[in-house]
Amino acid sequence: MTELQSTNRKERLAALAARAGRSNGSSEPESELPTTEARDKVVFRNYQPRDISLQETREKKIDDEQPLIKKKRKLEDALEMAQLEVTHHNAASDIANSSQKINWDLKRDIVPQINRLEKRTQQAIVELLKERLAREASEEGLQSNLD
């Protein structure tokens, strides 16, 4: 930076400091220096003191100033979620109470195959019974020949 730029910058900073109530020099009068009481005052930013006298020194936050608004928003959100849940539940119960079940079309498509399997099963059962009867008859014939 050139000297001209640095002097301009210093002047702007001094003007800003003067507007903010600070002076550039360290020769402040004794009356403007903070007292020990003001300097030793505790400010609670992240801690909620239990003692009532200390709660006055707690730093106020935006959230603390509007607790009712936050509670109201939470209640509105909870109410909205409950209403959505009720509508979803009603839709699910409507589907369940409908005249046809969800998989009725799948069952309809499988019916011919199930009928074929039932016929084959019946035929297999009849065949097994015939074989058993034949076996029992042959065993009885053998026993009657031995007697």
Protein backbone atom coordinates (compact mmCIF):
# COMPACT_ATOMS: atom_id res chain seq x y z
CA MET A 1 0.00 0.00 0.00
CA THR A 2 1.10 3.45 -0.64
CA GLU A 3 1.40 6.06 2.07
CA LEU A 4 -1.63 7.91 0.82
CA GLN A 5 -3.79 4.80 1.02
CA SER A 6 -2.56 3.95 4.50
CA THR A 7 -3.27 7.47 5.81
CA ASN A 8 -6.74 7.38 4.27
CA ARG A 9 -7.38 4.04 5.91
CA LYS A 10 -6.16 5.31 9.31
CA GLU A 11 -8.45 8.34 9.03
CA ARG A 12 -11.45 6.15 8.19
CA LEU A 13 -10.70 3.83 11.11
CA ALA A 14 -10.34 6.80 13.47
CA ALA A 15 -13.70 8.17 12.26
CA LEU A 16 -15.35 4.79 12.81
CA ALA A 17 -13.83 4.52 16.27
CA ALA A 18 -15.06 8.03 17.13
CA ARG A 19 -18.59 7.11 15.99
CA ALA A 20 -18.46 3.98 18.13
CA GLY A 21 -17.46 6.04 21.15
CA ARG A 22 -13.87 4.95 21.33
CA SER A 23 -10.90 7.19 21.06
CA ASN A 24 -7.60 6.26 19.49
CA GLY A 25 -5.41 7.34 22.40
CA SER A 26 -5.01 5.52 25.67
CA SER A 27 -5.40 8.71 27.69
CA GLU A 28 -9.00 8.10 28.77
CA PRO A 29 -10.24 10.01 31.75
CA GLU A 30 -10.61 8.09 34.97
CA SER A 31 -14.41 8.50 34.97
CA GLU A 32 -14.77 6.52 31.72
CA LEU A 33 -12.76 3.51 32.93
CA PRO A 34 -14.99 0.63 33.99
CA THR A 35 -15.38 0.16 37.70
CA THR A 36 -14.52 -3.10 39.36
CA GLU A 37 -18.23 -3.85 39.91
CA ALA A 38 -19.06 -3.50 36.23
CA ARG A 39 -15.97 -5.42 35.23
CA ASP A 40 -16.64 -8.30 37.64
CA LYS A 41 -20.30 -8.69 36.71
CA VAL A 42 -21.02 -12.24 35.52
CA VAL A 43 -23.07 -12.70 32.40
CA PHE A 44 -24.55 -16.18 31.82
CA ARG A 45 -24.81 -17.02 28.14
CA ASN A 46 -25.17 -20.81 28.06
CA TYR A 47 -26.16 -21.53 31.64
CA GLN A 48 -29.53 -21.13 33.35
CA PRO A 49 -28.74 -20.26 36.98
CA ARG A 50 -31.05 -21.63 39.69
CA ASP A 51 -30.63 -18.65 41.98
CA ILE A 52 -33.22 -15.97 41.26
CA SER A 53 -30.79 -13.12 41.87
CA LEU A 54 -28.40 -14.55 39.26
CA GLN A 55 -31.14 -15.09 36.67
CA GLU A 56 -31.32 -11.34 36.16
CA THR A 57 -27.75 -11.36 34.82
CA ARG A 58 -28.54 -14.08 32.29
CA GLU A 59 -28.12 -12.94 28.72
CA LYS A 60 -31.40 -12.87 26.82
CA LYS A 61 -31.65 -14.85 23.62
CA ILE A 62 -34.17 -14.57 20.83
CA ASP A 63 -35.49 -18.02 21.70
CA ASP A 64 -36.12 -16.97 25.30
CA GLU A 65 -38.14 -13.96 24.26
CA GLN A 66 -40.62 -15.97 22.21
CA PRO A 67 -41.20 -19.32 23.96
CA LEU A 68 -44.94 -19.25 23.33
CA ILE A 69 -44.44 -18.91 19.58
CA LYS A 70 -42.08 -21.90 19.56
CA LYS A 71 -44.53 -23.98 21.61
CA LYS A 72 -47.35 -22.97 19.30
CA ARG A 73 -45.33 -24.04 16.24
CA LYS A 74 -44.52 -27.40 17.85
CA LEU A 75 -48.18 -27.98 18.67
CA GLU A 76 -49.25 -27.06 15.14
CA ASP A 77 -46.66 -29.43 13.68
CA ALA A 78 -47.78 -32.25 15.98
CA LEU A 79 -51.42 -31.62 15.06
CA GLU A 80 -50.60 -31.67 11.36
CA MET A 81 -48.66 -34.94 11.72
CA ALA A 82 -51.57 -36.50 13.63
CA GLN A 83 -54.01 -35.44 10.92
CA LEU A 84 -51.78 -36.93 8.23
CA GLU A 85 -51.52 -40.17 10.19
CA VAL A 86 -55.31 -40.35 10.54
CA THR A 87 -55.82 -39.83 6.80
CA HIS A 88 -53.25 -42.52 5.99
CA HIS A 89 -54.94 -44.89 8.45
CA ASN A 90 -58.35 -44.18 6.90
CA ALA A 91 -57.00 -44.85 3.41
CA ALA A 92 -55.48 -48.14 4.55
CA SER A 93 -58.72 -49.23 6.22
CA ASP A 94 -60.68 -48.34 3.07
CA ILE A 95 -58.45 -50.60 1.01
CA ALA A 96 -58.76 -53.41 3.56
CA ASN A 97 -62.54 -53.09 3.65
CA SER A 98 -62.91 -53.11 -0.10
CA SER A 99 -64.90 -55.95 -1.69
CA GLN A 100 -61.84 -57.54 -3.28
CA LYS A 101 -58.63 -58.39 -1.55
CA ILE A 102 -55.31 -56.98 -2.71
CA ASN A 103 -54.11 -60.20 -4.37
CA TRP A 104 -57.38 -61.21 -6.02
CA ASP A 105 -55.92 -60.86 -9.50
CA LEU A 106 -52.97 -63.11 -8.65
CA LYS A 107 -55.30 -65.79 -7.33
CA ARG A 108 -57.45 -65.51 -10.46
CA ASP A 109 -54.42 -66.12 -12.68
CA ILE A 110 -53.29 -69.17 -10.70
CA VAL A 111 -56.68 -70.94 -10.51
CA PRO A 112 -56.17 -73.12 -13.67
CA GLN A 113 -52.79 -74.35 -12.44
CA ILE A 114 -54.20 -75.13 -8.99
CA ASN A 115 -57.05 -77.12 -10.57
CA ARG A 116 -54.56 -79.19 -12.61
CA LEU A 117 -52.50 -79.89 -9.48
CA GLU A 118 -55.58 -80.96 -7.55
CA LYS A 119 -56.53 -83.45 -10.31
CA ARG A 120 -53.02 -84.90 -10.36
CA THR A 121 -53.01 -85.14 -6.57
CA GLN A 122 -56.33 -87.01 -6.59
CA GLN A 123 -55.03 -89.36 -9.29
CA ALA A 124 -51.85 -90.04 -7.29
CA ILE A 125 -53.88 -90.77 -4.15
CA VAL A 126 -56.14 -93.21 -6.07
CA GLU A 127 -53.08 -94.94 -7.57
CA LEU A 128 -51.42 -95.31 -4.15
CA LEU A 129 -54.62 -96.77 -2.67
CA LYS A 130 -54.89 -99.30 -5.54
CA GLU A 131 -51.28 -100.37 -5.01
CA ARG A 132 -51.83 -100.81 -1.27
CA LEU A 133 -55.04 -102.80 -1.82
CA ALA A 134 -53.24 -105.00 -4.33
CA ARG A 135 -50.38 -105.54 -1.91
CA GLU A 136 -52.76 -106.41 0.94
CA ALA A 137 -54.69 -108.79 -1.31
CA SER A 138 -51.51 -110.54 -2.33
CA GLU A 139 -50.41 -110.81 1.30
CA GLU A 140 -53.80 -112.28 2.28
CA GLY A 141 -53.56 -114.73 -0.59
CA LEU A 142 -50.15 -115.85 0.59
CA GLN A 143 -51.38 -116.22 4.15
CA SER A 144 -54.43 -118.20 3.11
CA ASN A 145 -52.22 -120.54 1.04
CA LEU A 146 -49.96 -121.13 4.03
CA ASP A 147 -52.81 -121.98 6.37
